[in-house]
Amino acid sequence: MMRQPTDQLRAGHRPADLIPDGIHPVHVTINLPAPRSYAGPVLLVLAASFGICAVILALTQLALAAAPFAGLSVGGVTVALRRK
């Protein structure tokens, strides 16, 4: 397993080069950033995808209401309805 540069800090070790002169090592606290969360970007992509699908469905409904015969092909999926 490859070691990361922050492994020693996460284990609680305090490197001497990070401690200022005249400070006792017991009084030093090292704060590390939290690991990155991918929940926000994933939810943003899902919301955008659902929004695009909603716009496509709304345009399809408008096209079907305006013409006696209308069809729509998106990504290999074809919707064709004929009104009587």
PDB file of N, CA and C in Angstrom:
ATOM      1  N   MET A   1       0.838  -1.182   0.000  1.00  0.00           N
ATOM      2  CA  MET A   1       0.000   0.000   0.000  1.00  0.00           C
ATOM      3  C   MET A   1       0.882   1.244   0.000  1.00  0.00           C
ATOM      4  N   MET A   2       0.533   2.195  -0.825  1.00  0.00           N
ATOM      5  CA  MET A   2       1.323   3.411  -0.949  1.00  0.00           C
ATOM      6  C   MET A   2       0.968   4.373   0.188  1.00  0.00           C
ATOM      7  N   ARG A   3       1.986   4.921   0.809  1.00  0.00           N
ATOM      8  CA  ARG A   3       1.754   5.853   1.913  1.00  0.00           C
ATOM      9  C   ARG A   3       1.532   7.256   1.377  1.00  0.00           C
ATOM     10  N   GLN A   4       0.650   7.956   2.046  1.00  0.00           N
ATOM     11  CA  GLN A   4       0.331   9.331   1.686  1.00  0.00           C
ATOM     12  C   GLN A   4       1.154  10.291   2.544  1.00  0.00           C
ATOM     13  N   PRO A   5       1.370  11.518   2.081  1.00  0.00           N
ATOM     14  CA  PRO A   5       2.144  12.491   2.870  1.00  0.00           C
ATOM     15  C   PRO A   5       1.478  12.838   4.201  1.00  0.00           C
ATOM     16  N   THR A   6       0.176  12.675   4.309  1.00  0.00           N
ATOM     17  CA  THR A   6      -0.520  13.057   5.539  1.00  0.00           C
ATOM     18  C   THR A   6      -0.731  11.889   6.498  1.00  0.00           C
ATOM     19  N   ASP A   7      -0.209  10.717   6.186  1.00  0.00           N
ATOM     20  CA  ASP A   7      -0.425   9.555   7.057  1.00  0.00           C
ATOM     21  C   ASP A   7       0.116   9.792   8.464  1.00  0.00           C
ATOM     22  N   GLN A   8       1.313  10.373   8.586  1.00  0.00           N
ATOM     23  CA  GLN A   8       1.874  10.614   9.914  1.00  0.00           C
ATOM     24  C   GLN A   8       1.051  11.643  10.682  1.00  0.00           C
ATOM     25  N   LEU A   9       0.550  12.664   9.990  1.00  0.00           N
ATOM     26  CA  LEU A   9      -0.268  13.671  10.669  1.00  0.00           C
ATOM     27  C   LEU A   9      -1.570  13.052  11.158  1.00  0.00           C
ATOM     28  N   ARG A  10      -2.177  12.194  10.347  1.00  0.00           N
ATOM     29  CA  ARG A  10      -3.428  11.547  10.748  1.00  0.00           C
ATOM     30  C   ARG A  10      -3.214  10.597  11.928  1.00  0.00           C
ATOM     31  N   ALA A  11      -2.005  10.054  12.062  1.00  0.00           N
ATOM     32  CA  ALA A  11      -1.701   9.164  13.174  1.00  0.00           C
ATOM     33  C   ALA A  11      -1.387   9.935  14.450  1.00  0.00           C
ATOM     34  N   GLY A  12      -1.324  11.255  14.375  1.00  0.00           N
ATOM     35  CA  GLY A  12      -1.094  12.060  15.568  1.00  0.00           C
ATOM     36  C   GLY A  12       0.349  12.463  15.772  1.00  0.00           C
ATOM     37  N   HIS A  13       1.245  12.154  14.860  1.00  0.00           N
ATOM     38  CA  HIS A  13       2.643  12.551  14.991  1.00  0.00           C
ATOM     39  C   HIS A  13       2.779  14.035  14.651  1.00  0.00           C
ATOM     40  N   ARG A  14       3.639  14.707  15.372  1.00  0.00           N
ATOM     41  CA  ARG A  14       3.873  16.121  15.139  1.00  0.00           C
ATOM     42  C   ARG A  14       5.307  16.294  14.638  1.00  0.00           C
ATOM     43  N   PRO A  15       5.501  16.504  13.348  1.00  0.00           N
ATOM     44  CA  PRO A  15       6.861  16.682  12.829  1.00  0.00           C
ATOM     45  C   PRO A  15       7.520  17.928  13.422  1.00  0.00           C
ATOM     46  N   ALA A  16       8.786  17.798  13.745  1.00  0.00           N
ATOM     47  CA  ALA A  16       9.511  18.888  14.409  1.00  0.00           C
ATOM     48  C   ALA A  16       9.591  20.131  13.535  1.00  0.00           C
ATOM     49  N   ASP A  17       9.634  19.969  12.228  1.00  0.00           N
ATOM     50  CA  ASP A  17       9.756  21.152  11.363  1.00  0.00           C
ATOM     51  C   ASP A  17       8.471  21.965  11.283  1.00  0.00           C
ATOM     52  N   LEU A  18       7.349  21.414  11.750  1.00  0.00           N
ATOM     53  CA  LEU A  18       6.086  22.156  11.749  1.00  0.00           C
ATOM     54  C   LEU A  18       5.829  22.874  13.072  1.00  0.00           C
ATOM     55  N   ILE A  19       6.643  22.603  14.091  1.00  0.00           N
ATOM     56  CA  ILE A  19       6.431  23.200  15.412  1.00  0.00           C
ATOM     57  C   ILE A  19       7.305  24.446  15.528  1.00  0.00           C
ATOM     58  N   PRO A  20       6.687  25.608  15.817  1.00  0.00           N
ATOM     59  CA  PRO A  20       7.476  26.840  15.959  1.00  0.00           C
ATOM     60  C   PRO A  20       8.421  26.759  17.166  1.00  0.00           C
ATOM     61  N   ASP A  21       9.503  27.517  17.097  1.00  0.00           N
ATOM     62  CA  ASP A  21      10.456  27.558  18.210  1.00  0.00           C
ATOM     63  C   ASP A  21       9.787  28.103  19.467  1.00  0.00           C
ATOM     64  N   GLY A  22      10.116  27.517  20.599  1.00  0.00           N
ATOM     65  CA  GLY A  22       9.596  27.983  21.878  1.00  0.00           C
ATOM     66  C   GLY A  22       8.231  27.438  22.230  1.00  0.00           C
ATOM     67  N   ILE A  23       7.659  26.605  21.413  1.00  0.00           N
ATOM     68  CA  ILE A  23       6.336  26.022  21.685  1.00  0.00           C
ATOM     69  C   ILE A  23       6.525  24.561  22.068  1.00  0.00           C
ATOM     70  N   HIS A  24       5.870  24.149  23.135  1.00  0.00           N
ATOM     71  CA  HIS A  24       5.954  22.750  23.567  1.00  0.00           C
ATOM     72  C   HIS A  24       5.090  21.904  22.628  1.00  0.00           C
ATOM     73  N   PRO A  25       5.607  20.755  22.168  1.00  0.00           N
ATOM     74  CA  PRO A  25       4.854  19.916  21.208  1.00  0.00           C
ATOM     75  C   PRO A  25       3.483  19.465  21.699  1.00  0.00           C
ATOM     76  N   VAL A  26       3.285  19.408  23.000  1.00  0.00           N
ATOM     77  CA  VAL A  26       1.983  18.985  23.529  1.00  0.00           C
ATOM     78  C   VAL A  26       0.907  20.018  23.211  1.00  0.00           C
ATOM     79  N   HIS A  27       1.314  21.277  23.089  1.00  0.00           N
ATOM     80  CA  HIS A  27       0.349  22.359  22.861  1.00  0.00           C
ATOM     81  C   HIS A  27       0.082  22.627  21.379  1.00  0.00           C
ATOM     82  N   VAL A  28       0.584  21.780  20.513  1.00  0.00           N
ATOM     83  CA  VAL A  28       0.413  21.977  19.075  1.00  0.00           C
ATOM     84  C   VAL A  28      -0.728  21.089  18.592  1.00  0.00           C
ATOM     85  N   THR A  29      -1.649  21.694  17.870  1.00  0.00           N
ATOM     86  CA  THR A  29      -2.752  20.956  17.259  1.00  0.00           C
ATOM     87  C   THR A  29      -2.641  21.115  15.748  1.00  0.00           C
ATOM     88  N   ILE A  30      -2.690  20.008  15.042  1.00  0.00           N
ATOM     89  CA  ILE A  30      -2.617  20.043  13.581  1.00  0.00           C
ATOM     90  C   ILE A  30      -4.006  19.733  13.040  1.00  0.00           C
ATOM     91  N   ASN A  31      -4.551  20.675  12.295  1.00  0.00           N
ATOM     92  CA  ASN A  31      -5.882  20.503  11.709  1.00  0.00           C
ATOM     93  C   ASN A  31      -5.744  20.086  10.251  1.00  0.00           C
ATOM     94  N   LEU A  32      -6.433  19.015   9.892  1.00  0.00           N
ATOM     95  CA  LEU A  32      -6.416  18.529   8.519  1.00  0.00           C
ATOM     96  C   LEU A  32      -7.792  18.723   7.901  1.00  0.00           C
ATOM     97  N   PRO A  33      -7.855  19.039   6.607  1.00  0.00           N
ATOM     98  CA  PRO A  33      -9.169  19.188   5.964  1.00  0.00           C
ATOM     99  C   PRO A  33      -9.885  17.840   5.872  1.00  0.00           C
ATOM    100  N   ALA A  34     -11.201  17.909   5.882  1.00  0.00           N
ATOM    101  CA  ALA A  34     -12.010  16.696   5.745  1.00  0.00           C
ATOM    102  C   ALA A  34     -11.863  16.150   4.329  1.00  0.00           C
ATOM    103  N   PRO A  35     -12.032  14.842   4.167  1.00  0.00           N
ATOM    104  CA  PRO A  35     -11.977  14.276   2.815  1.00  0.00           C
ATOM    105  C   PRO A  35     -13.070  14.873   1.929  1.00  0.00           C
ATOM    106  N   ARG A  36     -12.799  14.949   0.650  1.00  0.00           N
ATOM    107  CA  ARG A  36     -13.750  15.549  -0.282  1.00  0.00           C
ATOM    108  C   ARG A  36     -15.014  14.697  -0.406  1.00  0.00           C
ATOM    109  N   SER A  37     -16.145  15.362  -0.442  1.00  0.00           N
ATOM    110  CA  SER A  37     -17.426  14.689  -0.616  1.00  0.00           C
ATOM    111  C   SER A  37     -17.891  14.901  -2.057  1.00  0.00           C
ATOM    112  N   TYR A  38     -18.294  13.822  -2.710  1.00  0.00           N
ATOM    113  CA  TYR A  38     -18.763  13.901  -4.090  1.00  0.00           C
ATOM    114  C   TYR A  38     -20.291  13.936  -4.174  1.00  0.00           C
ATOM    115  N   ALA A  39     -20.973  14.044  -3.048  1.00  0.00           N
ATOM    116  CA  ALA A  39     -22.433  14.035  -3.045  1.00  0.00           C
ATOM    117  C   ALA A  39     -22.992  15.238  -3.811  1.00  0.00           C
ATOM    118  N   GLY A  40     -22.428  16.425  -3.612  1.00  0.00           N
ATOM    119  CA  GLY A  40     -22.927  17.627  -4.282  1.00  0.00           C
ATOM    120  C   GLY A  40     -22.826  17.557  -5.791  1.00  0.00           C
ATOM    121  N   PRO A  41     -21.647  17.250  -6.357  1.00  0.00           N
ATOM    122  CA  PRO A  41     -21.551  17.167  -7.815  1.00  0.00           C
ATOM    123  C   PRO A  41     -22.423  16.067  -8.417  1.00  0.00           C
ATOM    124  N   VAL A  42     -22.554  14.934  -7.729  1.00  0.00           N
ATOM    125  CA  VAL A  42     -23.394  13.843  -8.247  1.00  0.00           C
ATOM    126  C   VAL A  42     -24.856  14.276  -8.268  1.00  0.00           C
ATOM    127  N   LEU A  43     -25.313  14.915  -7.204  1.00  0.00           N
ATOM    128  CA  LEU A  43     -26.701  15.385  -7.175  1.00  0.00           C
ATOM    129  C   LEU A  43     -26.951  16.470  -8.216  1.00  0.00           C
ATOM    130  N   LEU A  44     -25.963  17.305  -8.461  1.00  0.00           N
ATOM    131  CA  LEU A  44     -26.098  18.338  -9.487  1.00  0.00           C
ATOM    132  C   LEU A  44     -26.257  17.719 -10.874  1.00  0.00           C
ATOM    133  N   VAL A  45     -25.473  16.691 -11.178  1.00  0.00           N
ATOM    134  CA  VAL A  45     -25.576  16.018 -12.481  1.00  0.00           C
ATOM    135  C   VAL A  45     -26.930  15.333 -12.613  1.00  0.00           C
ATOM    136  N   LEU A  46     -27.394  14.680 -11.546  1.00  0.00           N
ATOM    137  CA  LEU A  46     -28.709  14.027 -11.596  1.00  0.00           C
ATOM    138  C   LEU A  46     -29.829  15.049 -11.799  1.00  0.00           C
ATOM    139  N   ALA A  47     -29.762  16.160 -11.089  1.00  0.00           N
ATOM    140  CA  ALA A  47     -30.795  17.190 -11.239  1.00  0.00           C
ATOM    141  C   ALA A  47     -30.796  17.768 -12.646  1.00  0.00           C
ATOM    142  N   ALA A  48     -29.617  18.002 -13.204  1.00  0.00           N
ATOM    143  CA  ALA A  48     -29.539  18.521 -14.568  1.00  0.00           C
ATOM    144  C   ALA A  48     -30.086  17.517 -15.570  1.00  0.00           C
ATOM    145  N   SER A  49     -29.797  16.241 -15.365  1.00  0.00           N
ATOM    146  CA  SER A  49     -30.303  15.205 -16.277  1.00  0.00           C
ATOM    147  C   SER A  49     -31.824  15.137 -16.236  1.00  0.00           C
ATOM    148  N   PHE A  50     -32.388  15.157 -15.030  1.00  0.00           N
ATOM    149  CA  PHE A  50     -33.844  15.123 -14.924  1.00  0.00           C
ATOM    150  C   PHE A  50     -34.469  16.385 -15.515  1.00  0.00           C
ATOM    151  N   GLY A  51     -33.813  17.519 -15.352  1.00  0.00           N
ATOM    152  CA  GLY A  51     -34.326  18.754 -15.936  1.00  0.00           C
ATOM    153  C   GLY A  51     -34.330  18.717 -17.455  1.00  0.00           C
ATOM    154  N   ILE A  52     -33.268  18.184 -18.046  1.00  0.00           N
ATOM    155  CA  ILE A  52     -33.216  18.058 -19.503  1.00  0.00           C
ATOM    156  C   ILE A  52     -34.302  17.119 -20.001  1.00  0.00           C
ATOM    157  N   CYS A  53     -34.519  16.015 -19.293  1.00  0.00           N
ATOM    158  CA  CYS A  53     -35.586  15.080 -19.677  1.00  0.00           C
ATOM    159  C   CYS A  53     -36.953  15.752 -19.593  1.00  0.00           C
ATOM    160  N   ALA A  54     -37.159  16.562 -18.560  1.00  0.00           N
ATOM    161  CA  ALA A  54     -38.446  17.258 -18.420  1.00  0.00           C
ATOM    162  C   ALA A  54     -38.669  18.244 -19.564  1.00  0.00           C
ATOM    163  N   VAL A  55     -37.624  18.945 -19.973  1.00  0.00           N
ATOM    164  CA  VAL A  55     -37.752  19.884 -21.089  1.00  0.00           C
ATOM    165  C   VAL A  55     -38.061  19.135 -22.378  1.00  0.00           C
ATOM    166  N   ILE A  56     -37.401  18.012 -22.618  1.00  0.00           N
ATOM    167  CA  ILE A  56     -37.661  17.225 -23.825  1.00  0.00           C
ATOM    168  C   ILE A  56     -39.095  16.714 -23.835  1.00  0.00           C
ATOM    169  N   LEU A  57     -39.584  16.239 -22.693  1.00  0.00           N
ATOM    170  CA  LEU A  57     -40.973  15.763 -22.634  1.00  0.00           C
ATOM    171  C   LEU A  57     -41.962  16.909 -22.852  1.00  0.00           C
ATOM    172  N   ALA A  58     -41.673  18.080 -22.294  1.00  0.00           N
ATOM    173  CA  ALA A  58     -42.570  19.215 -22.496  1.00  0.00           C
ATOM    174  C   ALA A  58     -42.599  19.637 -23.966  1.00  0.00           C
ATOM    175  N   LEU A  59     -41.449  19.659 -24.626  1.00  0.00           N
ATOM    176  CA  LEU A  59     -41.417  19.994 -26.052  1.00  0.00           C
ATOM    177  C   LEU A  59     -42.154  18.953 -26.883  1.00  0.00           C
ATOM    178  N   THR A  60     -42.043  17.699 -26.480  1.00  0.00           N
ATOM    179  CA  THR A  60     -42.765  16.643 -27.189  1.00  0.00           C
ATOM    180  C   THR A  60     -44.274  16.846 -27.064  1.00  0.00           C
ATOM    181  N   GLN A  61     -44.728  17.181 -25.865  1.00  0.00           N
ATOM    182  CA  GLN A  61     -46.159  17.411 -25.668  1.00  0.00           C
ATOM    183  C   GLN A  61     -46.635  18.608 -26.491  1.00  0.00           C
ATOM    184  N   LEU A  62     -45.832  19.651 -26.557  1.00  0.00           N
ATOM    185  CA  LEU A  62     -46.207  20.808 -27.378  1.00  0.00           C
ATOM    186  C   LEU A  62     -46.269  20.433 -28.857  1.00  0.00           C
ATOM    187  N   ALA A  63     -45.326  19.647 -29.316  1.00  0.00           N
ATOM    188  CA  ALA A  63     -45.312  19.235 -30.720  1.00  0.00           C
ATOM    189  C   ALA A  63     -46.513  18.347 -31.030  1.00  0.00           C
ATOM    190  N   LEU A  64     -46.863  17.468 -30.114  1.00  0.00           N
ATOM    191  CA  LEU A  64     -48.006  16.581 -30.340  1.00  0.00           C
ATOM    192  C   LEU A  64     -49.319  17.351 -30.326  1.00  0.00           C
ATOM    193  N   ALA A  65     -49.414  18.382 -29.525  1.00  0.00           N
ATOM    194  CA  ALA A  65     -50.641  19.166 -29.451  1.00  0.00           C
ATOM    195  C   ALA A  65     -50.805  20.069 -30.677  1.00  0.00           C
ATOM    196  N   ALA A  66     -49.714  20.429 -31.332  1.00  0.00           N
ATOM    197  CA  ALA A  66     -49.772  21.384 -32.427  1.00  0.00           C
ATOM    198  C   ALA A  66     -50.004  20.725 -33.787  1.00  0.00           C
ATOM    199  N   ALA A  67     -49.697  19.457 -33.939  1.00  0.00           N
ATOM    200  CA  ALA A  67     -49.788  18.819 -35.259  1.00  0.00           C
ATOM    201  C   ALA A  67     -50.653  17.557 -35.168  1.00  0.00           C
ATOM    202  N   PRO A  68     -51.354  17.231 -36.274  1.00  0.00           N
ATOM    203  CA  PRO A  68     -52.147  16.008 -36.267  1.00  0.00           C
ATOM    204  C   PRO A  68     -51.270  14.751 -36.211  1.00  0.00           C
ATOM    205  N   PHE A  69     -50.076  14.858 -36.719  1.00  0.00           N
ATOM    206  CA  PHE A  69     -49.140  13.746 -36.628  1.00  0.00           C
ATOM    207  C   PHE A  69     -47.788  14.328 -36.243  1.00  0.00           C
ATOM    208  N   ALA A  70     -47.230  13.821 -35.167  1.00  0.00           N
ATOM    209  CA  ALA A  70     -45.945  14.357 -34.710  1.00  0.00           C
ATOM    210  C   ALA A  70     -45.060  13.214 -34.266  1.00  0.00           C
ATOM    211  N   GLY A  71     -43.803  13.402 -34.450  1.00  0.00           N
ATOM    212  CA  GLY A  71     -42.842  12.392 -34.012  1.00  0.00           C
ATOM    213  C   GLY A  71     -41.600  13.061 -33.471  1.00  0.00           C
ATOM    214  N   LEU A  72     -40.926  12.340 -32.628  1.00  0.00           N
ATOM    215  CA  LEU A  72     -39.714  12.867 -32.026  1.00  0.00           C
ATOM    216  C   LEU A  72     -38.732  11.723 -31.853  1.00  0.00           C
ATOM    217  N   SER A  73     -37.504  11.957 -32.231  1.00  0.00           N
ATOM    218  CA  SER A  73     -36.473  10.938 -32.067  1.00  0.00           C
ATOM    219  C   SER A  73     -35.333  11.539 -31.273  1.00  0.00           C
ATOM    220  N   VAL A  74     -35.039  10.935 -30.120  1.00  0.00           N
ATOM    221  CA  VAL A  74     -33.964  11.416 -29.254  1.00  0.00           C
ATOM    222  C   VAL A  74     -33.127  10.218 -28.834  1.00  0.00           C
ATOM    223  N   GLY A  75     -31.877  10.208 -29.201  1.00  0.00           N
ATOM    224  CA  GLY A  75     -30.971   9.160 -28.756  1.00  0.00           C
ATOM    225  C   GLY A  75     -31.399   7.771 -29.178  1.00  0.00           C
ATOM    226  N   GLY A  76     -32.000   7.641 -30.321  1.00  0.00           N
ATOM    227  CA  GLY A  76     -32.411   6.324 -30.793  1.00  0.00           C
ATOM    228  C   GLY A  76     -33.801   5.906 -30.347  1.00  0.00           C
ATOM    229  N   VAL A  77     -34.453   6.711 -29.511  1.00  0.00           N
ATOM    230  CA  VAL A  77     -35.814   6.409 -29.055  1.00  0.00           C
ATOM    231  C   VAL A  77     -36.763   7.307 -29.825  1.00  0.00           C
ATOM    232  N   THR A  78     -37.736   6.705 -30.477  1.00  0.00           N
ATOM    233  CA  THR A  78     -38.678   7.461 -31.296  1.00  0.00           C
ATOM    234  C   THR A  78     -40.062   7.426 -30.676  1.00  0.00           C
ATOM    235  N   VAL A  79     -40.676   8.602 -30.610  1.00  0.00           N
ATOM    236  CA  VAL A  79     -42.054   8.720 -30.128  1.00  0.00           C
ATOM    237  C   VAL A  79     -42.869   9.263 -31.296  1.00  0.00           C
ATOM    238  N   ALA A  80     -43.880   8.532 -31.713  1.00  0.00           N
ATOM    239  CA  ALA A  80     -44.740   8.967 -32.803  1.00  0.00           C
ATOM    240  C   ALA A  80     -46.182   8.670 -32.432  1.00  0.00           C
ATOM    241  N   LEU A  81     -47.009   9.693 -32.435  1.00  0.00           N
ATOM    242  CA  LEU A  81     -48.427   9.542 -32.126  1.00  0.00           C
ATOM    243  C   LEU A  81     -49.252  10.218 -33.218  1.00  0.00           C
ATOM    244  N   ARG A  82     -50.366   9.614 -33.526  1.00  0.00           N
ATOM    245  CA  ARG A  82     -51.266  10.184 -34.509  1.00  0.00           C
ATOM    246  C   ARG A  82     -52.583  10.533 -33.809  1.00  0.00           C
ATOM    247  N   ARG A  83     -53.028  11.759 -33.993  1.00  0.00           N
ATOM    248  CA  ARG A  83     -54.298  12.176 -33.390  1.00  0.00           C
ATOM    249  C   ARG A  83     -55.418  11.930 -34.387  1.00  0.00           C
ATOM    250  N   LYS A  84     -56.583  11.579 -33.877  1.00  0.00           N
ATOM    251  CA  LYS A  84     -57.744  11.354 -34.739  1.00  0.00           C
ATOM    252  C   LYS A  84     -58.578  12.592 -34.859  1.00  0.00           C
TER     253      LYS A  84
END
